Amino acid sequence: MKLTWYYQATAAEGPFSQTEMEHLIANGIIDGFTNVRATTSGPWIPAKDTDAFHAAFPSAFDALPRQERRKHKFSLRVSLYVICFIVNLFVVILLLISVGQLANLAMLSLAFLFFRRMIL
């Protein structure tokens, strides 16, 4: 009997054949800690613990906890947000400085006109 497989994302995804599941694993959609099952009502098991897909995951990969692998992605995302915030802050400061210089120029022009009238 040919098994159909399901994997658990936000909801159960599937059915997939063995070959389709291997493609999902190769493309990184399913990792060793993604829950899979071979029936519609069986227990969810991490893909690395199944006989069908265990060979697809190297042992060094099994040693890394899921949080440690995701921590790097989170730090990169936070770093990018911080960089964007700093760049935007820099742009706002430059705009405020430009507006301030325009205000100074306008005040100088008004002062020049005022004193010119007083002298004449």
PDB file of N, CA and C in Angstrom:
ATOM      1  N   MET A   1       0.835  -1.174   0.000  1.00  0.00           N
ATOM      2  CA  MET A   1       0.000   0.000   0.000  1.00  0.00           C
ATOM      3  C   MET A   1       0.886   1.246   0.000  1.00  0.00           C
ATOM      4  N   LYS A   2       0.572   2.175  -0.875  1.00  0.00           N
ATOM      5  CA  LYS A   2       1.337   3.403  -0.999  1.00  0.00           C
ATOM      6  C   LYS A   2       0.848   4.410   0.038  1.00  0.00           C
ATOM      7  N   LEU A   3       1.782   4.927   0.858  1.00  0.00           N
ATOM      8  CA  LEU A   3       1.413   5.864   1.918  1.00  0.00           C
ATOM      9  C   LEU A   3       1.274   7.277   1.361  1.00  0.00           C
ATOM     10  N   THR A   4       0.324   8.001   1.909  1.00  0.00           N
ATOM     11  CA  THR A   4       0.239   9.440   1.649  1.00  0.00           C
ATOM     12  C   THR A   4       0.634  10.144   2.927  1.00  0.00           C
ATOM     13  N   TRP A   5       1.381  11.228   2.794  1.00  0.00           N
ATOM     14  CA  TRP A   5       1.950  11.925   3.940  1.00  0.00           C
ATOM     15  C   TRP A   5       1.335  13.304   4.092  1.00  0.00           C
ATOM     16  N   TYR A   6       1.304  13.748   5.327  1.00  0.00           N
ATOM     17  CA  TYR A   6       0.839  15.082   5.670  1.00  0.00           C
ATOM     18  C   TYR A   6       1.913  15.734   6.531  1.00  0.00           C
ATOM     19  N   TYR A   7       2.050  17.049   6.430  1.00  0.00           N
ATOM     20  CA  TYR A   7       2.932  17.739   7.363  1.00  0.00           C
ATOM     21  C   TYR A   7       2.164  18.885   7.997  1.00  0.00           C
ATOM     22  N   GLN A   8       2.619  19.275   9.166  1.00  0.00           N
ATOM     23  CA  GLN A   8       1.898  20.267   9.955  1.00  0.00           C
ATOM     24  C   GLN A   8       2.591  21.614   9.845  1.00  0.00           C
ATOM     25  N   ALA A   9       1.933  22.540   9.151  1.00  0.00           N
ATOM     26  CA  ALA A   9       2.381  23.937   9.132  1.00  0.00           C
ATOM     27  C   ALA A   9       1.422  24.679  10.059  1.00  0.00           C
ATOM     28  N   THR A  10       0.731  25.694   9.579  1.00  0.00           N
ATOM     29  CA  THR A  10      -0.305  26.309  10.410  1.00  0.00           C
ATOM     30  C   THR A  10      -1.511  25.389  10.495  1.00  0.00           C
ATOM     31  N   ALA A  11      -1.701  24.573   9.469  1.00  0.00           N
ATOM     32  CA  ALA A  11      -2.740  23.538   9.443  1.00  0.00           C
ATOM     33  C   ALA A  11      -2.116  22.321   8.770  1.00  0.00           C
ATOM     34  N   ALA A  12      -2.822  21.224   8.781  1.00  0.00           N
ATOM     35  CA  ALA A  12      -2.304  20.018   8.128  1.00  0.00           C
ATOM     36  C   ALA A  12      -2.256  20.249   6.620  1.00  0.00           C
ATOM     37  N   GLU A  13      -1.113  19.984   6.022  1.00  0.00           N
ATOM     38  CA  GLU A  13      -0.923  20.133   4.583  1.00  0.00           C
ATOM     39  C   GLU A  13      -0.784  18.743   3.980  1.00  0.00           C
ATOM     40  N   GLY A  14      -1.444  18.508   2.876  1.00  0.00           N
ATOM     41  CA  GLY A  14      -1.314  17.212   2.233  1.00  0.00           C
ATOM     42  C   GLY A  14      -2.604  16.808   1.575  1.00  0.00           C
ATOM     43  N   PRO A  15      -2.680  15.656   1.020  1.00  0.00           N
ATOM     44  CA  PRO A  15      -1.730  14.541   1.060  1.00  0.00           C
ATOM     45  C   PRO A  15      -0.608  14.713   0.027  1.00  0.00           C
ATOM     46  N   PHE A  16       0.552  14.146   0.365  1.00  0.00           N
ATOM     47  CA  PHE A  16       1.721  14.147  -0.504  1.00  0.00           C
ATOM     48  C   PHE A  16       2.260  12.731  -0.610  1.00  0.00           C
ATOM     49  N   SER A  17       2.839  12.441  -1.761  1.00  0.00           N
ATOM     50  CA  SER A  17       3.488  11.136  -1.928  1.00  0.00           C
ATOM     51  C   SER A  17       4.853  11.187  -1.250  1.00  0.00           C
ATOM     52  N   GLN A  18       5.491  10.042  -1.132  1.00  0.00           N
ATOM     53  CA  GLN A  18       6.838   9.955  -0.552  1.00  0.00           C
ATOM     54  C   GLN A  18       7.808  10.845  -1.335  1.00  0.00           C
ATOM     55  N   THR A  19       7.729  10.798  -2.663  1.00  0.00           N
ATOM     56  CA  THR A  19       8.615  11.599  -3.510  1.00  0.00           C
ATOM     57  C   THR A  19       8.368  13.085  -3.317  1.00  0.00           C
ATOM     58  N   GLU A  20       7.099  13.478  -3.234  1.00  0.00           N
ATOM     59  CA  GLU A  20       6.785  14.891  -3.016  1.00  0.00           C
ATOM     60  C   GLU A  20       7.307  15.370  -1.665  1.00  0.00           C
ATOM     61  N   MET A  21       7.192  14.532  -0.651  1.00  0.00           N
ATOM     62  CA  MET A  21       7.707  14.890   0.668  1.00  0.00           C
ATOM     63  C   MET A  21       9.230  15.056   0.624  1.00  0.00           C
ATOM     64  N   GLU A  22       9.907  14.172  -0.118  1.00  0.00           N
ATOM     65  CA  GLU A  22      11.358  14.283  -0.234  1.00  0.00           C
ATOM     66  C   GLU A  22      11.755  15.583  -0.931  1.00  0.00           C
ATOM     67  N   HIS A  23      10.962  16.020  -1.910  1.00  0.00           N
ATOM     68  CA  HIS A  23      11.222  17.310  -2.567  1.00  0.00           C
ATOM     69  C   HIS A  23      11.001  18.467  -1.592  1.00  0.00           C
ATOM     70  N   LEU A  24       9.966  18.392  -0.769  1.00  0.00           N
ATOM     71  CA  LEU A  24       9.710  19.430   0.224  1.00  0.00           C
ATOM     72  C   LEU A  24      10.853  19.512   1.235  1.00  0.00           C
ATOM     73  N   ILE A  25      11.399  18.361   1.593  1.00  0.00           N
ATOM     74  CA  ILE A  25      12.535  18.320   2.517  1.00  0.00           C
ATOM     75  C   ILE A  25      13.763  18.922   1.843  1.00  0.00           C
ATOM     76  N   ALA A  26      14.011  18.537   0.591  1.00  0.00           N
ATOM     77  CA  ALA A  26      15.179  19.039  -0.136  1.00  0.00           C
ATOM     78  C   ALA A  26      15.110  20.549  -0.329  1.00  0.00           C
ATOM     79  N   ASN A  27      13.906  21.102  -0.474  1.00  0.00           N
ATOM     80  CA  ASN A  27      13.740  22.545  -0.681  1.00  0.00           C
ATOM     81  C   ASN A  27      13.641  23.323   0.628  1.00  0.00           C
ATOM     82  N   GLY A  28      13.745  22.633   1.761  1.00  0.00           N
ATOM     83  CA  GLY A  28      13.758  23.301   3.052  1.00  0.00           C
ATOM     84  C   GLY A  28      12.387  23.675   3.595  1.00  0.00           C
ATOM     85  N   ILE A  29      11.328  23.234   2.948  1.00  0.00           N
ATOM     86  CA  ILE A  29       9.986  23.529   3.439  1.00  0.00           C
ATOM     87  C   ILE A  29       9.685  22.686   4.677  1.00  0.00           C
ATOM     88  N   ILE A  30      10.188  21.472   4.663  1.00  0.00           N
ATOM     89  CA  ILE A  30      10.059  20.583   5.826  1.00  0.00           C
ATOM     90  C   ILE A  30      11.453  20.374   6.391  1.00  0.00           C
ATOM     91  N   ASP A  31      11.597  20.619   7.701  1.00  0.00           N
ATOM     92  CA  ASP A  31      12.880  20.329   8.347  1.00  0.00           C
ATOM     93  C   ASP A  31      12.702  19.130   9.275  1.00  0.00           C
ATOM     94  N   GLY A  32      13.738  18.760   9.972  1.00  0.00           N
ATOM     95  CA  GLY A  32      13.689  17.579  10.819  1.00  0.00           C
ATOM     96  C   GLY A  32      12.720  17.689  11.980  1.00  0.00           C
ATOM     97  N   PHE A  33      12.365  18.915  12.346  1.00  0.00           N
ATOM     98  CA  PHE A  33      11.474  19.124  13.477  1.00  0.00           C
ATOM     99  C   PHE A  33      10.036  19.384  13.057  1.00  0.00           C
ATOM    100  N   THR A  34       9.761  19.381  11.751  1.00  0.00           N
ATOM    101  CA  THR A  34       8.394  19.542  11.266  1.00  0.00           C
ATOM    102  C   THR A  34       7.627  18.258  11.529  1.00  0.00           C
ATOM    103  N   ASN A  35       6.451  18.379  12.104  1.00  0.00           N
ATOM    104  CA  ASN A  35       5.631  17.206  12.393  1.00  0.00           C
ATOM    105  C   ASN A  35       4.999  16.666  11.114  1.00  0.00           C
ATOM    106  N   VAL A  36       5.076  15.343  10.943  1.00  0.00           N
ATOM    107  CA  VAL A  36       4.499  14.667   9.788  1.00  0.00           C
ATOM    108  C   VAL A  36       3.705  13.461  10.275  1.00  0.00           C
ATOM    109  N   ARG A  37       2.835  12.986   9.414  1.00  0.00           N
ATOM    110  CA  ARG A  37       2.134  11.734   9.709  1.00  0.00           C
ATOM    111  C   ARG A  37       1.735  11.084   8.397  1.00  0.00           C
ATOM    112  N   ALA A  38       1.573   9.762   8.454  1.00  0.00           N
ATOM    113  CA  ALA A  38       1.299   8.988   7.250  1.00  0.00           C
ATOM    114  C   ALA A  38      -0.184   8.732   7.029  1.00  0.00           C
ATOM    115  N   THR A  39      -1.009   9.134   7.938  1.00  0.00           N
ATOM    116  CA  THR A  39      -2.455   8.964   7.772  1.00  0.00           C
ATOM    117  C   THR A  39      -3.142  10.264   8.162  1.00  0.00           C
ATOM    118  N   THR A  40      -4.443  10.328   7.919  1.00  0.00           N
ATOM    119  CA  THR A  40      -5.164  11.553   8.267  1.00  0.00           C
ATOM    120  C   THR A  40      -5.453  11.671   9.751  1.00  0.00           C
ATOM    121  N   SER A  41      -5.345  10.578  10.499  1.00  0.00           N
ATOM    122  CA  SER A  41      -5.695  10.642  11.917  1.00  0.00           C
ATOM    123  C   SER A  41      -4.617  10.092  12.849  1.00  0.00           C
ATOM    124  N   GLY A  42      -3.444   9.793  12.335  1.00  0.00           N
ATOM    125  CA  GLY A  42      -2.380   9.245  13.176  1.00  0.00           C
ATOM    126  C   GLY A  42      -1.698  10.331  13.992  1.00  0.00           C
ATOM    127  N   PRO A  43      -0.754   9.920  14.833  1.00  0.00           N
ATOM    128  CA  PRO A  43      -0.035  10.899  15.654  1.00  0.00           C
ATOM    129  C   PRO A  43       0.983  11.685  14.812  1.00  0.00           C
ATOM    130  N   TRP A  44       1.195  12.937  15.193  1.00  0.00           N
ATOM    131  CA  TRP A  44       2.215  13.751  14.532  1.00  0.00           C
ATOM    132  C   TRP A  44       3.581  13.374  15.094  1.00  0.00           C
ATOM    133  N   ILE A  45       4.563  13.188  14.213  1.00  0.00           N
ATOM    134  CA  ILE A  45       5.916  12.791  14.599  1.00  0.00           C
ATOM    135  C   ILE A  45       6.894  13.713  13.886  1.00  0.00           C
ATOM    136  N   PRO A  46       7.964  14.166  14.549  1.00  0.00           N
ATOM    137  CA  PRO A  46       8.970  14.955  13.836  1.00  0.00           C
ATOM    138  C   PRO A  46       9.528  14.163  12.653  1.00  0.00           C
ATOM    139  N   ALA A  47       9.718  14.818  11.530  1.00  0.00           N
ATOM    140  CA  ALA A  47      10.159  14.128  10.310  1.00  0.00           C
ATOM    141  C   ALA A  47      11.459  13.370  10.521  1.00  0.00           C
ATOM    142  N   LYS A  48      12.368  13.902  11.336  1.00  0.00           N
ATOM    143  CA  LYS A  48      13.655  13.234  11.556  1.00  0.00           C
ATOM    144  C   LYS A  48      13.504  11.914  12.302  1.00  0.00           C
ATOM    145  N   ASP A  49      12.368  11.718  12.995  1.00  0.00           N
ATOM    146  CA  ASP A  49      12.142  10.500  13.771  1.00  0.00           C
ATOM    147  C   ASP A  49      11.381   9.423  12.993  1.00  0.00           C
ATOM    148  N   THR A  50      11.005   9.695  11.756  1.00  0.00           N
ATOM    149  CA  THR A  50      10.289   8.693  10.963  1.00  0.00           C
ATOM    150  C   THR A  50      11.292   7.819  10.227  1.00  0.00           C
ATOM    151  N   ASP A  51      10.928   6.576  10.012  1.00  0.00           N
ATOM    152  CA  ASP A  51      11.805   5.681   9.253  1.00  0.00           C
ATOM    153  C   ASP A  51      11.930   6.143   7.800  1.00  0.00           C
ATOM    154  N   ALA A  52      10.870   6.728   7.258  1.00  0.00           N
ATOM    155  CA  ALA A  52      10.864   7.108   5.845  1.00  0.00           C
ATOM    156  C   ALA A  52      11.778   8.287   5.548  1.00  0.00           C
ATOM    157  N   PHE A  53      11.927   9.233   6.485  1.00  0.00           N
ATOM    158  CA  PHE A  53      12.663  10.458   6.183  1.00  0.00           C
ATOM    159  C   PHE A  53      13.899  10.672   7.045  1.00  0.00           C
ATOM    160  N   HIS A  54      14.182   9.776   7.971  1.00  0.00           N
ATOM    161  CA  HIS A  54      15.312   9.963   8.876  1.00  0.00           C
ATOM    162  C   HIS A  54      16.632  10.147   8.118  1.00  0.00           C
ATOM    163  N   ALA A  55      16.815   9.416   7.050  1.00  0.00           N
ATOM    164  CA  ALA A  55      18.079   9.489   6.296  1.00  0.00           C
ATOM    165  C   ALA A  55      18.263  10.836   5.612  1.00  0.00           C
ATOM    166  N   ALA A  56      17.182  11.607   5.421  1.00  0.00           N
ATOM    167  CA  ALA A  56      17.271  12.898   4.742  1.00  0.00           C
ATOM    168  C   ALA A  56      17.890  13.976   5.618  1.00  0.00           C
ATOM    169  N   PHE A  57      18.012  13.713   6.925  1.00  0.00           N
ATOM    170  CA  PHE A  57      18.520  14.720   7.849  1.00  0.00           C
ATOM    171  C   PHE A  57      19.837  14.271   8.447  1.00  0.00           C
ATOM    172  N   PRO A  58      20.914  15.039   8.263  1.00  0.00           N
ATOM    173  CA  PRO A  58      22.206  14.672   8.846  1.00  0.00           C
ATOM    174  C   PRO A  58      22.154  14.711  10.365  1.00  0.00           C
ATOM    175  N   SER A  59      23.006  13.922  11.000  1.00  0.00           N
ATOM    176  CA  SER A  59      22.990  13.833  12.463  1.00  0.00           C
ATOM    177  C   SER A  59      23.379  15.153  13.110  1.00  0.00           C
ATOM    178  N   ALA A  60      24.245  15.942  12.484  1.00  0.00           N
ATOM    179  CA  ALA A  60      24.611  17.243  13.053  1.00  0.00           C
ATOM    180  C   ALA A  60      23.393  18.152  13.111  1.00  0.00           C
ATOM    181  N   PHE A  61      22.508  18.013  12.159  1.00  0.00           N
ATOM    182  CA  PHE A  61      21.282  18.807  12.139  1.00  0.00           C
ATOM    183  C   PHE A  61      20.392  18.426  13.314  1.00  0.00           C
ATOM    184  N   ASP A  62      20.350  17.153  13.645  1.00  0.00           N
ATOM    185  CA  ASP A  62      19.514  16.690  14.752  1.00  0.00           C
ATOM    186  C   ASP A  62      19.971  17.274  16.081  1.00  0.00           C
ATOM    187  N   ALA A  63      21.261  17.572  16.194  1.00  0.00           N
ATOM    188  CA  ALA A  63      21.790  18.060  17.462  1.00  0.00           C
ATOM    189  C   ALA A  63      21.375  19.500  17.743  1.00  0.00           C
ATOM    190  N   LEU A  64      21.009  20.259  16.717  1.00  0.00           N
ATOM    191  CA  LEU A  64      20.641  21.648  16.920  1.00  0.00           C
ATOM    192  C   LEU A  64      19.181  21.770  17.330  1.00  0.00           C
ATOM    193  N   PRO A  65      18.904  22.394  18.455  1.00  0.00           N
ATOM    194  CA  PRO A  65      17.506  22.621  18.806  1.00  0.00           C
ATOM    195  C   PRO A  65      16.873  23.618  17.846  1.00  0.00           C
ATOM    196  N   ARG A  66      15.585  23.528  17.660  1.00  0.00           N
ATOM    197  CA  ARG A  66      14.876  24.378  16.706  1.00  0.00           C
ATOM    198  C   ARG A  66      15.032  25.864  17.055  1.00  0.00           C
ATOM    199  N   GLN A  67      14.984  26.218  18.332  1.00  0.00           N
ATOM    200  CA  GLN A  67      15.096  27.612  18.712  1.00  0.00           C
ATOM    201  C   GLN A  67      16.462  28.188  18.345  1.00  0.00           C
ATOM    202  N   GLU A  68      17.507  27.401  18.486  1.00  0.00           N
ATOM    203  CA  GLU A  68      18.844  27.890  18.160  1.00  0.00           C
ATOM    204  C   GLU A  68      18.966  28.198  16.680  1.00  0.00           C
ATOM    205  N   ARG A  69      18.352  27.375  15.838  1.00  0.00           N
ATOM    206  CA  ARG A  69      18.434  27.617  14.399  1.00  0.00           C
ATOM    207  C   ARG A  69      17.641  28.853  14.016  1.00  0.00           C
ATOM    208  N   ARG A  70      16.522  29.082  14.656  1.00  0.00           N
ATOM    209  CA  ARG A  70      15.684  30.235  14.322  1.00  0.00           C
ATOM    210  C   ARG A  70      16.203  31.518  14.959  1.00  0.00           C
ATOM    211  N   LYS A  71      16.986  31.399  16.000  1.00  0.00           N
ATOM    212  CA  LYS A  71      17.491  32.575  16.689  1.00  0.00           C
ATOM    213  C   LYS A  71      18.290  33.446  15.733  1.00  0.00           C
ATOM    214  N   HIS A  72      19.081  32.827  14.882  1.00  0.00           N
ATOM    215  CA  HIS A  72      19.893  33.578  13.935  1.00  0.00           C
ATOM    216  C   HIS A  72      19.013  34.360  12.967  1.00  0.00           C
ATOM    217  N   LYS A  73      17.944  33.749  12.454  1.00  0.00           N
ATOM    218  CA  LYS A  73      17.050  34.447  11.539  1.00  0.00           C
ATOM    219  C   LYS A  73      16.398  35.625  12.235  1.00  0.00           C
ATOM    220  N   PHE A  74      16.002  35.440  13.502  1.00  0.00           N
ATOM    221  CA  PHE A  74      15.374  36.517  14.253  1.00  0.00           C
ATOM    222  C   PHE A  74      16.352  37.661  14.453  1.00  0.00           C
ATOM    223  N   SER A  75      17.607  37.356  14.819  1.00  0.00           N
ATOM    224  CA  SER A  75      18.593  38.404  15.042  1.00  0.00           C
ATOM    225  C   SER A  75      18.858  39.174  13.763  1.00  0.00           C
ATOM    226  N   LEU A  76      18.907  38.484  12.630  1.00  0.00           N
ATOM    227  CA  LEU A  76      19.128  39.159  11.360  1.00  0.00           C
ATOM    228  C   LEU A  76      17.962  40.090  11.060  1.00  0.00           C
ATOM    229  N   ARG A  77      16.746  39.632  11.299  1.00  0.00           N
ATOM    230  CA  ARG A  77      15.565  40.458  11.047  1.00  0.00           C
ATOM    231  C   ARG A  77      15.583  41.689  11.951  1.00  0.00           C
ATOM    232  N   VAL A  78      15.888  41.509  13.231  1.00  0.00           N
ATOM    233  CA  VAL A  78      15.933  42.636  14.153  1.00  0.00           C
ATOM    234  C   VAL A  78      17.035  43.604  13.745  1.00  0.00           C
ATOM    235  N   SER A  79      18.170  43.092  13.326  1.00  0.00           N
ATOM    236  CA  SER A  79      19.260  43.954  12.873  1.00  0.00           C
ATOM    237  C   SER A  79      18.842  44.793  11.676  1.00  0.00           C
ATOM    238  N   LEU A  80      18.140  44.188  10.747  1.00  0.00           N
ATOM    239  CA  LEU A  80      17.676  44.943   9.585  1.00  0.00           C
ATOM    240  C   LEU A  80      16.687  46.027   9.988  1.00  0.00           C
ATOM    241  N   TYR A  81      15.781  45.726  10.926  1.00  0.00           N
ATOM    242  CA  TYR A  81      14.840  46.739  11.410  1.00  0.00           C
ATOM    243  C   TYR A  81      15.579  47.894  12.073  1.00  0.00           C
ATOM    244  N   VAL A  82      16.589  47.585  12.867  1.00  0.00           N
ATOM    245  CA  VAL A  82      17.353  48.625  13.553  1.00  0.00           C
ATOM    246  C   VAL A  82      18.080  49.501  12.538  1.00  0.00           C
ATOM    247  N   ILE A  83      18.687  48.887  11.529  1.00  0.00           N
ATOM    248  CA  ILE A  83      19.386  49.650  10.491  1.00  0.00           C
ATOM    249  C   ILE A  83      18.412  50.554   9.750  1.00  0.00           C
ATOM    250  N   CYS A  84      17.248  50.040   9.394  1.00  0.00           N
ATOM    251  CA  CYS A  84      16.237  50.861   8.707  1.00  0.00           C
ATOM    252  C   CYS A  84      15.783  52.012   9.593  1.00  0.00           C
ATOM    253  N   PHE A  85      15.598  51.749  10.877  1.00  0.00           N
ATOM    254  CA  PHE A  85      15.185  52.808  11.798  1.00  0.00           C
ATOM    255  C   PHE A  85      16.245  53.901  11.868  1.00  0.00           C
ATOM    256  N   ILE A  86      17.518  53.522  11.969  1.00  0.00           N
ATOM    257  CA  ILE A  86      18.603  54.503  12.068  1.00  0.00           C
ATOM    258  C   ILE A  86      18.697  55.326  10.790  1.00  0.00           C
ATOM    259  N   VAL A  87      18.589  54.673   9.639  1.00  0.00           N
ATOM    260  CA  VAL A  87      18.642  55.400   8.365  1.00  0.00           C
ATOM    261  C   VAL A  87      17.473  56.378   8.271  1.00  0.00           C
ATOM    262  N   ASN A  88      16.266  55.936   8.632  1.00  0.00           N
ATOM    263  CA  ASN A  88      15.104  56.833   8.593  1.00  0.00           C
ATOM    264  C   ASN A  88      15.269  57.991   9.568  1.00  0.00           C
ATOM    265  N   LEU A  89      15.799  57.730  10.739  1.00  0.00           N
ATOM    266  CA  LEU A  89      16.042  58.788  11.712  1.00  0.00           C
ATOM    267  C   LEU A  89      17.042  59.803  11.161  1.00  0.00           C
ATOM    268  N   PHE A  90      18.083  59.325  10.513  1.00  0.00           N
ATOM    269  CA  PHE A  90      19.083  60.187   9.906  1.00  0.00           C
ATOM    270  C   PHE A  90      18.455  61.074   8.828  1.00  0.00           C
ATOM    271  N   VAL A  91      17.589  60.506   8.013  1.00  0.00           N
ATOM    272  CA  VAL A  91      16.909  61.270   6.964  1.00  0.00           C
ATOM    273  C   VAL A  91      16.019  62.341   7.578  1.00  0.00           C
ATOM    274  N   VAL A  92      15.286  61.998   8.628  1.00  0.00           N
ATOM    275  CA  VAL A  92      14.427  62.984   9.297  1.00  0.00           C
ATOM    276  C   VAL A  92      15.260  64.109   9.888  1.00  0.00           C
ATOM    277  N   ILE A  93      16.384  63.783  10.496  1.00  0.00           N
ATOM    278  CA  ILE A  93      17.262  64.820  11.056  1.00  0.00           C
ATOM    279  C   ILE A  93      17.772  65.730   9.954  1.00  0.00           C
ATOM    280  N   LEU A  94      18.189  65.162   8.823  1.00  0.00           N
ATOM    281  CA  LEU A  94      18.648  65.991   7.706  1.00  0.00           C
ATOM    282  C   LEU A  94      17.542  66.896   7.193  1.00  0.00           C
ATOM    283  N   LEU A  95      16.313  66.369   7.123  1.00  0.00           N
ATOM    284  CA  LEU A  95      15.190  67.195   6.682  1.00  0.00           C
ATOM    285  C   LEU A  95      14.921  68.328   7.665  1.00  0.00           C
ATOM    286  N   LEU A  96      14.979  68.036   8.952  1.00  0.00           N
ATOM    287  CA  LEU A  96      14.769  69.083   9.954  1.00  0.00           C
ATOM    288  C   LEU A  96      15.857  70.140   9.893  1.00  0.00           C
ATOM    289  N   ILE A  97      17.093  69.723   9.664  1.00  0.00           N
ATOM    290  CA  ILE A  97      18.189  70.678   9.524  1.00  0.00           C
ATOM    291  C   ILE A  97      17.947  71.551   8.296  1.00  0.00           C
ATOM    292  N   SER A  98      17.512  70.952   7.203  1.00  0.00           N
ATOM    293  CA  SER A  98      17.233  71.715   5.986  1.00  0.00           C
ATOM    294  C   SER A  98      16.118  72.717   6.226  1.00  0.00           C
ATOM    295  N   VAL A  99      15.071  72.303   6.902  1.00  0.00           N
ATOM    296  CA  VAL A  99      13.965  73.210   7.216  1.00  0.00           C
ATOM    297  C   VAL A  99      14.461  74.333   8.128  1.00  0.00           C
ATOM    298  N   GLY A 100      15.303  73.997   9.073  1.00  0.00           N
ATOM    299  CA  GLY A 100      15.873  75.011   9.964  1.00  0.00           C
ATOM    300  C   GLY A 100      16.713  76.010   9.205  1.00  0.00           C
ATOM    301  N   GLN A 101      17.500  75.537   8.235  1.00  0.00           N
ATOM    302  CA  GLN A 101      18.318  76.449   7.431  1.00  0.00           C
ATOM    303  C   GLN A 101      17.439  77.347   6.572  1.00  0.00           C
ATOM    304  N   LEU A 102      16.343  76.799   6.046  1.00  0.00           N
ATOM    305  CA  LEU A 102      15.412  77.620   5.278  1.00  0.00           C
ATOM    306  C   LEU A 102      14.772  78.680   6.164  1.00  0.00           C
ATOM    307  N   ALA A 103      14.428  78.310   7.386  1.00  0.00           N
ATOM    308  CA  ALA A 103      13.850  79.279   8.318  1.00  0.00           C
ATOM    309  C   ALA A 103      14.853  80.377   8.641  1.00  0.00           C
ATOM    310  N   ASN A 104      16.108  80.005   8.848  1.00  0.00           N
ATOM    311  CA  ASN A 104      17.151  81.008   9.104  1.00  0.00           C
ATOM    312  C   ASN A 104      17.319  81.940   7.914  1.00  0.00           C
ATOM    313  N   LEU A 105      17.303  81.385   6.724  1.00  0.00           N
ATOM    314  CA  LEU A 105      17.433  82.197   5.517  1.00  0.00           C
ATOM    315  C   LEU A 105      16.263  83.166   5.397  1.00  0.00           C
ATOM    316  N   ALA A 106      15.065  82.706   5.696  1.00  0.00           N
ATOM    317  CA  ALA A 106      13.886  83.572   5.640  1.00  0.00           C
ATOM    318  C   ALA A 106      13.989  84.679   6.680  1.00  0.00           C
ATOM    319  N   MET A 107      14.444  84.363   7.884  1.00  0.00           N
ATOM    320  CA  MET A 107      14.603  85.381   8.923  1.00  0.00           C
ATOM    321  C   MET A 107      15.648  86.412   8.535  1.00  0.00           C
ATOM    322  N   LEU A 108      16.745  85.957   7.935  1.00  0.00           N
ATOM    323  CA  LEU A 108      17.778  86.895   7.479  1.00  0.00           C
ATOM    324  C   LEU A 108      17.225  87.822   6.402  1.00  0.00           C
ATOM    325  N   SER A 109      16.429  87.286   5.492  1.00  0.00           N
ATOM    326  CA  SER A 109      15.839  88.095   4.425  1.00  0.00           C
ATOM    327  C   SER A 109      14.902  89.141   5.008  1.00  0.00           C
ATOM    328  N   LEU A 110      14.073  88.718   5.961  1.00  0.00           N
ATOM    329  CA  LEU A 110      13.157  89.671   6.600  1.00  0.00           C
ATOM    330  C   LEU A 110      13.924  90.740   7.378  1.00  0.00           C
ATOM    331  N   ALA A 111      14.965  90.319   8.080  1.00  0.00           N
ATOM    332  CA  ALA A 111      15.774  91.280   8.831  1.00  0.00           C
ATOM    333  C   ALA A 111      16.449  92.261   7.891  1.00  0.00           C
ATOM    334  N   PHE A 112      16.966  91.759   6.787  1.00  0.00           N
ATOM    335  CA  PHE A 112      17.607  92.642   5.800  1.00  0.00           C
ATOM    336  C   PHE A 112      16.612  93.663   5.280  1.00  0.00           C
ATOM    337  N   LEU A 113      15.397  93.215   4.922  1.00  0.00           N
ATOM    338  CA  LEU A 113      14.379  94.136   4.422  1.00  0.00           C
ATOM    339  C   LEU A 113      13.981  95.144   5.499  1.00  0.00           C
ATOM    340  N   PHE A 114      13.835  94.696   6.745  1.00  0.00           N
ATOM    341  CA  PHE A 114      13.441  95.577   7.836  1.00  0.00           C
ATOM    342  C   PHE A 114      14.498  96.652   8.081  1.00  0.00           C
ATOM    343  N   PHE A 115      15.769  96.247   8.186  1.00  0.00           N
ATOM    344  CA  PHE A 115      16.830  97.207   8.457  1.00  0.00           C
ATOM    345  C   PHE A 115      17.093  98.103   7.263  1.00  0.00           C
ATOM    346  N   ARG A 116      16.875  97.628   6.083  1.00  0.00           N
ATOM    347  CA  ARG A 116      17.044  98.430   4.874  1.00  0.00           C
ATOM    348  C   ARG A 116      16.045  99.578   4.884  1.00  0.00           C
ATOM    349  N   ARG A 117      14.807  99.276   5.311  1.00  0.00           N
ATOM    350  CA  ARG A 117      13.783 100.321   5.407  1.00  0.00           C
ATOM    351  C   ARG A 117      14.142 101.345   6.474  1.00  0.00           C
ATOM    352  N   MET A 118      14.707 100.868   7.580  1.00  0.00           N
ATOM    353  CA  MET A 118      15.037 101.787   8.655  1.00  0.00           C
ATOM    354  C   MET A 118      16.177 102.714   8.268  1.00  0.00           C
ATOM    355  N   ILE A 119      17.105 102.202   7.483  1.00  0.00           N
ATOM    356  CA  ILE A 119      18.263 103.001   7.076  1.00  0.00           C
ATOM    357  C   ILE A 119      17.824 104.042   6.035  1.00  0.00           C
ATOM    358  N   LEU A 120      16.947 103.658   5.123  1.00  0.00           N
ATOM    359  CA  LEU A 120      16.510 104.583   4.093  1.00  0.00           C
ATOM    360  C   LEU A 120      15.509 105.498   4.659  1.00  0.00           C
TER     361      LEU A 120
END
